[in-house]
Amino acid sequence: MIIDPSSLQIGGDSNNMFGLNGLLQSYPIILVLFSILLMVFQAIVLNQVLENHRLIERNQLLTAAVYILILSSSPVLTNPPGMLITCFIMIIQLNIVLNIYGKKEPYRNVFDAGLLIGIASLIHFPTIVFILFLWSCLVLYQIFTWREWLISIISISIPHLFSGTYFYWMGTFKSEFITLTSFFTDLQPPVFTQSIYLYLIWGFLTFLAFISLGQISRGLTEGTISIRKKSRVLVLFLIVSLASAVFAGDSLMVHLVITTIPISAFISFYLSRAKKLFIPELIIILMILSILAAKYINLA
C-alpha cells in the first residue's frame, strides 16, 4: 500500500474528469488515508457479499484478508486511486448481478448493474466491456426477454449521455470522444514491466490461483443450483476482466486490479475447504516475505 504521499500519481489511467485531478493532487496525505480506508472497507464489503450469497464460509474474513494482501503487493495496484473506486463500484455491481438469480422480472437489478458499469467506465473506460459480463449472466440465468437486454443498454448509456453533455457544454466533446474510442481503434500491446519482486509475488499468486481454480471447478457441479450458478458468475467475472485487459495497453497492471475480486474469492474458498494447508500456507508466507522484502528495498 502507498505510504509516501510524494509517490502518488493522480493522473495515469484514471480520467481527469470535472477537475478532480487538481483537487486530489492538492491533498496527497488525505488521499493516502482515503485509499487505505477505501481498500479495507471494500475488502470487508466483498467478504460480506460472498458470505451473503453462501459462496464462502460464514463468519470468516478470509476473503478480505486475501484481497488486502493482493492489493498491498505493489503501490501500482492502488495508484492512481481511481482504480480502487472502480473496484468498489464493480463489487457492488457483482452483488446486484448475483441478486438477479431467482427473480422473474429483475428490471431494477439489471438497470442498476448496467448503470454501475457505465459509471465505472467513466473512471476506467475498459470496464465498458463488462456489459458482456452482464449479458452472459442473463444467459446463465436463462433470462431471454427483450426488456432486460434493452434496459441493460439504456442504463449503461445514461452516464455517458450525461458526461457527453458536460463535455459538449465545455467544448471538449470531440477530443474526449476520440480519446474514448481510441481504446478500441488504437489497440496497444499489453505492457507488464515491474520489479523482479513483483514478478516473484505474482508468480506465487498465480500458482495459488490455479490451485484454487481446481477447487472451484468441483464447486461448479456440486451443491445447490443457486450456488452452482453464482459460482459460475464469479468465473464469468474473471474471464471478462482478463479478456478486457486487451484494451489496457501500458496500464495493464492497473487494469489487473479488477481481477483481484474473483481471485480473492477463489483463493479464500480453496483455503476454507482444503484439508492439507501446508502448500497454500507456505505460498502465502513466501508472498508476505516477498512483499516485505520489496518494501524494505524500496525504502532503503
Protein backbone atom coordinates (compact mmCIF):
# COMPACT_ATOMS: atom_id res chain seq x y z
CA MET A 1 0.00 0.00 0.00
CA ILE A 2 1.12 3.60 -0.63
CA ILE A 3 2.53 5.29 2.47
CA ASP A 4 4.60 8.05 0.84
CA PRO A 5 2.37 10.91 -0.41
CA SER A 6 5.10 12.16 -2.73
CA SER A 7 4.89 8.92 -4.73
CA LEU A 8 1.25 9.42 -5.65
CA GLN A 9 0.35 9.63 -9.33
CA ILE A 10 -3.08 11.15 -9.55
CA GLY A 11 -3.01 11.03 -13.31
CA GLY A 12 -2.34 7.85 -15.24
CA ASP A 13 -5.26 5.70 -16.16
CA SER A 14 -7.98 7.45 -14.21
CA ASN A 15 -9.87 10.10 -16.15
CA ASN A 16 -9.22 13.70 -15.08
CA MET A 17 -12.91 14.49 -15.15
CA PHE A 18 -14.68 17.51 -13.73
CA GLY A 19 -11.49 18.99 -12.21
CA LEU A 20 -10.99 16.21 -9.65
CA ASN A 21 -7.38 15.71 -10.70
CA GLY A 22 -6.18 19.04 -9.37
CA LEU A 23 -8.22 18.71 -6.19
CA LEU A 24 -6.72 15.33 -5.30
CA GLN A 25 -3.21 16.48 -6.17
CA SER A 26 -3.52 19.30 -3.62
CA TYR A 27 -4.18 16.95 -0.68
CA PRO A 28 -1.92 13.88 -1.10
CA ILE A 29 -1.87 12.87 2.59
CA ILE A 30 -5.66 12.90 2.76
CA LEU A 31 -5.69 10.87 -0.45
CA VAL A 32 -3.38 8.25 1.06
CA LEU A 33 -5.62 7.85 4.10
CA PHE A 34 -8.68 7.73 1.86
CA SER A 35 -7.09 4.98 -0.29
CA ILE A 36 -6.22 2.87 2.76
CA LEU A 37 -9.68 3.19 4.28
CA LEU A 38 -11.38 2.51 0.94
CA MET A 39 -9.27 -0.60 0.36
CA VAL A 40 -10.10 -2.03 3.80
CA PHE A 41 -13.78 -1.07 3.50
CA GLN A 42 -14.27 -2.64 0.08
CA ALA A 43 -12.43 -5.78 1.24
CA ILE A 44 -14.97 -6.14 4.04
CA VAL A 45 -17.85 -5.42 1.65
CA LEU A 46 -16.60 -8.06 -0.82
CA ASN A 47 -16.29 -10.56 2.02
CA GLN A 48 -19.85 -9.82 3.14
CA VAL A 49 -21.26 -10.05 -0.40
CA LEU A 50 -19.77 -13.50 -0.94
CA GLU A 51 -20.87 -14.60 2.52
CA ASN A 52 -24.46 -13.43 1.93
CA HIS A 53 -24.62 -15.50 -1.24
CA ARG A 54 -23.06 -18.51 0.53
CA LEU A 55 -20.07 -18.57 -1.81
CA ILE A 56 -17.65 -18.65 1.14
CA GLU A 57 -17.84 -19.94 4.69
CA ARG A 58 -19.75 -17.76 7.13
CA ASN A 59 -18.19 -15.74 9.94
CA GLN A 60 -14.79 -15.51 8.26
CA LEU A 61 -12.78 -12.58 6.97
CA LEU A 62 -10.53 -14.73 4.83
CA THR A 63 -11.60 -13.13 1.54
CA ALA A 64 -11.00 -9.64 2.92
CA ALA A 65 -7.53 -10.66 4.11
CA VAL A 66 -6.59 -12.16 0.73
CA TYR A 67 -7.94 -9.10 -1.10
CA ILE A 68 -5.88 -6.70 1.03
CA LEU A 69 -2.80 -8.91 0.68
CA ILE A 70 -3.00 -8.85 -3.13
CA LEU A 71 -3.60 -5.10 -3.37
CA SER A 72 -0.76 -4.45 -0.93
CA SER A 73 1.73 -6.31 -3.12
CA SER A 74 2.54 -3.18 -5.11
CA PRO A 75 1.69 0.57 -4.98
CA VAL A 76 0.92 0.30 -8.71
CA LEU A 77 -2.31 -1.55 -7.87
CA THR A 78 -3.68 1.33 -5.81
CA ASN A 79 -2.06 4.24 -7.61
CA PRO A 80 -3.84 6.07 -9.18
CA PRO A 81 -6.59 5.61 -6.54
CA GLY A 82 -9.31 5.83 -9.18
CA MET A 83 -8.99 2.07 -9.66
CA LEU A 84 -9.92 1.50 -6.02
CA ILE A 85 -13.12 3.43 -6.66
CA THR A 86 -13.68 1.42 -9.85
CA CYS A 87 -13.21 -1.85 -7.95
CA PHE A 88 -15.67 -0.78 -5.28
CA ILE A 89 -18.26 0.00 -7.96
CA MET A 90 -17.63 -3.38 -9.58
CA ILE A 91 -18.07 -5.18 -6.23
CA ILE A 92 -21.48 -3.52 -5.78
CA GLN A 93 -22.31 -4.39 -9.39
CA LEU A 94 -21.34 -8.03 -8.74
CA ASN A 95 -23.66 -8.15 -5.74
CA ILE A 96 -26.54 -6.82 -7.84
CA VAL A 97 -25.92 -9.39 -10.59
CA LEU A 98 -25.86 -12.19 -8.00
CA ASN A 99 -29.20 -10.92 -6.68
CA ILE A 100 -30.76 -11.28 -10.14
CA TYR A 101 -30.87 -15.06 -9.73
CA GLY A 102 -34.36 -16.36 -8.97
CA LYS A 103 -36.22 -13.16 -9.88
CA LYS A 104 -38.84 -13.35 -12.61
CA GLU A 105 -38.69 -9.68 -13.67
CA PRO A 106 -35.36 -8.27 -12.46
CA TYR A 107 -35.75 -4.98 -14.33
CA ARG A 108 -34.45 -2.85 -11.47
CA ASN A 109 -31.45 -5.11 -10.83
CA VAL A 110 -30.46 -5.13 -14.49
CA PHE A 111 -30.82 -1.35 -14.68
CA ASP A 112 -28.69 -0.84 -11.56
CA ALA A 113 -25.99 -3.23 -12.78
CA GLY A 114 -25.80 -1.55 -16.18
CA LEU A 115 -25.75 1.91 -14.62
CA LEU A 116 -22.82 0.97 -12.34
CA ILE A 117 -20.88 -0.44 -15.31
CA GLY A 118 -21.46 2.84 -17.10
CA ILE A 119 -20.26 4.87 -14.10
CA ALA A 120 -17.17 2.66 -13.68
CA SER A 121 -16.33 3.11 -17.36
CA LEU A 122 -16.19 6.89 -16.83
CA ILE A 123 -13.30 6.29 -14.45
CA HIS A 124 -11.62 3.39 -16.27
CA PHE A 125 -13.10 3.05 -19.75
CA PRO A 126 -12.12 -0.62 -20.46
CA THR A 127 -14.73 -1.65 -17.85
CA ILE A 128 -17.35 -0.86 -20.52
CA VAL A 129 -16.62 -4.41 -21.73
CA PHE A 130 -18.37 -5.70 -18.59
CA ILE A 131 -21.65 -5.27 -20.41
CA LEU A 132 -20.67 -8.66 -21.87
CA PHE A 133 -20.47 -9.97 -18.31
CA LEU A 134 -23.99 -8.74 -17.58
CA TRP A 135 -25.33 -10.29 -20.79
CA SER A 136 -23.53 -13.56 -20.09
CA CYS A 137 -25.15 -13.69 -16.64
CA LEU A 138 -28.59 -13.11 -18.18
CA VAL A 139 -27.95 -16.11 -20.42
CA LEU A 140 -26.71 -18.12 -17.42
CA TYR A 141 -29.90 -17.24 -15.51
CA GLN A 142 -31.93 -18.11 -18.66
CA ILE A 143 -33.38 -14.61 -18.97
CA PHE A 144 -34.08 -14.06 -22.67
CA THR A 145 -36.90 -11.50 -22.68
CA TRP A 146 -36.08 -8.36 -24.68
CA ARG A 147 -36.88 -5.94 -21.82
CA GLU A 148 -33.88 -6.89 -19.66
CA TRP A 149 -31.50 -6.70 -22.61
CA LEU A 150 -32.82 -3.30 -23.72
CA ILE A 151 -32.72 -2.00 -20.14
CA SER A 152 -29.05 -3.00 -19.86
CA ILE A 153 -28.15 -0.99 -22.97
CA ILE A 154 -30.11 2.07 -21.84
CA SER A 155 -28.71 2.02 -18.30
CA ILE A 156 -25.07 1.74 -19.37
CA SER A 157 -25.61 4.64 -21.80
CA ILE A 158 -27.03 7.08 -19.24
CA PRO A 159 -23.72 8.05 -17.51
CA HIS A 160 -22.10 8.60 -20.92
CA LEU A 161 -25.06 10.70 -22.04
CA PHE A 162 -24.61 13.00 -19.04
CA SER A 163 -20.82 13.14 -19.39
CA GLY A 164 -21.16 13.75 -23.14
CA THR A 165 -23.50 16.64 -22.43
CA TYR A 166 -20.97 18.08 -19.97
CA PHE A 167 -18.08 17.76 -22.43
CA TYR A 168 -20.19 19.32 -25.21
CA TRP A 169 -21.01 22.20 -22.87
CA MET A 170 -17.30 22.66 -22.08
CA GLY A 171 -16.34 22.43 -25.75
CA THR A 172 -14.19 19.29 -25.35
CA PHE A 173 -16.63 16.70 -26.70
CA LYS A 174 -14.65 15.89 -29.86
CA SER A 175 -11.32 15.35 -28.07
CA GLU A 176 -12.92 13.26 -25.32
CA PHE A 177 -14.80 11.16 -27.87
CA ILE A 178 -11.58 10.46 -29.79
CA THR A 179 -9.82 9.53 -26.54
CA LEU A 180 -12.52 7.05 -25.55
CA THR A 181 -12.88 5.41 -28.95
CA SER A 182 -9.11 5.03 -29.19
CA PHE A 183 -9.39 2.24 -26.61
CA PHE A 184 -10.94 0.11 -29.35
CA THR A 185 -9.46 1.61 -32.52
CA ASP A 186 -5.84 2.05 -31.42
CA LEU A 187 -5.01 -1.15 -29.58
CA GLN A 188 -1.62 -1.25 -27.90
CA PRO A 189 0.09 -4.47 -26.76
CA PRO A 190 -0.34 -5.01 -23.02
CA VAL A 191 2.75 -3.95 -21.10
CA PHE A 192 3.81 -5.63 -17.85
CA THR A 193 7.08 -4.09 -16.67
CA GLN A 194 7.69 -4.25 -12.95
CA SER A 195 10.41 -5.14 -10.47
CA ILE A 196 11.66 -8.68 -10.03
CA TYR A 197 9.96 -8.75 -6.63
CA LEU A 198 6.54 -8.20 -8.16
CA TYR A 199 7.19 -10.95 -10.71
CA LEU A 200 8.03 -13.22 -7.77
CA ILE A 201 4.98 -12.17 -5.74
CA TRP A 202 2.60 -12.54 -8.65
CA GLY A 203 4.21 -15.85 -9.59
CA PHE A 204 3.26 -17.22 -6.16
CA LEU A 205 -0.20 -15.66 -6.52
CA THR A 206 -0.75 -17.19 -9.96
CA PHE A 207 0.27 -20.63 -8.72
CA LEU A 208 -2.12 -20.34 -5.75
CA ALA A 209 -4.91 -19.12 -8.04
CA PHE A 210 -4.50 -22.13 -10.35
CA ILE A 211 -4.70 -24.48 -7.36
CA SER A 212 -7.83 -22.67 -6.20
CA LEU A 213 -9.47 -22.91 -9.62
CA GLY A 214 -9.26 -26.69 -9.29
CA GLN A 215 -11.38 -26.49 -6.14
CA ILE A 216 -13.77 -24.04 -7.78
CA SER A 217 -14.23 -26.33 -10.81
CA ARG A 218 -15.56 -29.00 -8.49
CA GLY A 219 -17.87 -26.46 -6.86
CA LEU A 220 -19.41 -25.69 -10.25
CA THR A 221 -21.00 -29.14 -10.29
CA GLU A 222 -21.67 -29.59 -6.57
CA GLY A 223 -24.07 -28.03 -4.08
CA THR A 224 -27.43 -26.41 -4.82
CA ILE A 225 -28.37 -24.96 -8.21
CA SER A 226 -28.14 -21.47 -6.73
CA ILE A 227 -24.57 -21.99 -5.52
CA ARG A 228 -23.50 -23.54 -8.81
CA LYS A 229 -24.89 -20.69 -10.90
CA LYS A 230 -23.45 -18.00 -8.64
CA SER A 231 -20.06 -19.71 -8.71
CA ARG A 232 -20.21 -19.56 -12.49
CA VAL A 233 -20.95 -15.82 -12.24
CA LEU A 234 -17.59 -15.39 -10.50
CA VAL A 235 -15.88 -17.40 -13.24
CA LEU A 236 -17.53 -15.19 -15.88
CA PHE A 237 -16.35 -12.11 -13.98
CA LEU A 238 -12.77 -13.38 -14.10
CA ILE A 239 -12.97 -14.27 -17.79
CA VAL A 240 -14.32 -10.84 -18.80
CA SER A 241 -11.83 -8.97 -16.61
CA LEU A 242 -8.95 -10.89 -18.22
CA ALA A 243 -10.38 -10.51 -21.73
CA SER A 244 -10.84 -6.75 -21.29
CA ALA A 245 -7.11 -6.48 -20.48
CA VAL A 246 -6.58 -6.46 -24.25
CA PHE A 247 -7.63 -2.79 -24.18
CA ALA A 248 -5.42 -1.88 -21.22
CA GLY A 249 -2.14 -1.31 -23.10
CA ASP A 250 0.53 0.21 -20.87
CA SER A 251 -1.98 0.38 -17.98
CA LEU A 252 -2.19 -3.42 -17.76
CA MET A 253 -1.03 -3.55 -14.13
CA VAL A 254 -3.68 -1.03 -13.13
CA HIS A 255 -6.38 -2.90 -15.03
CA LEU A 256 -5.50 -6.23 -13.39
CA VAL A 257 -6.71 -4.81 -10.07
CA ILE A 258 -10.23 -5.79 -11.16
CA THR A 259 -9.22 -9.45 -11.34
CA THR A 260 -8.43 -9.42 -7.61
CA ILE A 261 -12.17 -9.51 -6.91
CA PRO A 262 -12.87 -13.05 -8.21
CA ILE A 263 -9.34 -14.31 -7.48
CA SER A 264 -9.70 -13.36 -3.79
CA ALA A 265 -12.98 -15.28 -3.71
CA PHE A 266 -11.44 -18.38 -5.33
CA ILE A 267 -8.40 -18.43 -3.04
CA SER A 268 -10.44 -17.93 0.13
CA PHE A 269 -12.87 -20.66 -0.97
CA TYR A 270 -9.96 -23.02 -1.51
CA LEU A 271 -8.29 -22.18 1.81
CA SER A 272 -11.54 -22.70 3.72
CA ARG A 273 -12.14 -26.12 2.13
CA ALA A 274 -8.62 -27.53 1.75
CA LYS A 275 -7.73 -30.40 4.08
CA LYS A 276 -3.97 -30.06 3.59
CA LEU A 277 -2.90 -26.47 4.08
CA PHE A 278 0.88 -26.85 4.13
CA ILE A 279 1.44 -25.86 0.46
CA PRO A 280 -1.02 -22.90 0.33
CA GLU A 281 0.19 -21.61 3.70
CA LEU A 282 3.79 -21.87 2.51
CA ILE A 283 2.93 -19.93 -0.65
CA ILE A 284 1.20 -17.18 1.34
CA ILE A 285 4.15 -16.91 3.73
CA LEU A 286 6.53 -16.61 0.77
CA MET A 287 4.27 -13.93 -0.73
CA ILE A 288 4.29 -11.93 2.50
CA LEU A 289 8.08 -12.25 2.84
CA SER A 290 8.50 -11.13 -0.78
CA ILE A 291 6.23 -8.11 -0.21
CA LEU A 292 8.14 -7.13 2.95
CA ALA A 293 11.47 -7.54 1.13
CA ALA A 294 10.26 -5.35 -1.74
CA LYS A 295 9.04 -2.66 0.69
CA TYR A 296 12.35 -2.75 2.56
CA ILE A 297 14.41 -2.45 -0.65
CA ASN A 298 12.29 0.50 -1.84
CA LEU A 299 12.65 2.30 1.50
CA ALA A 300 16.38 1.64 1.77
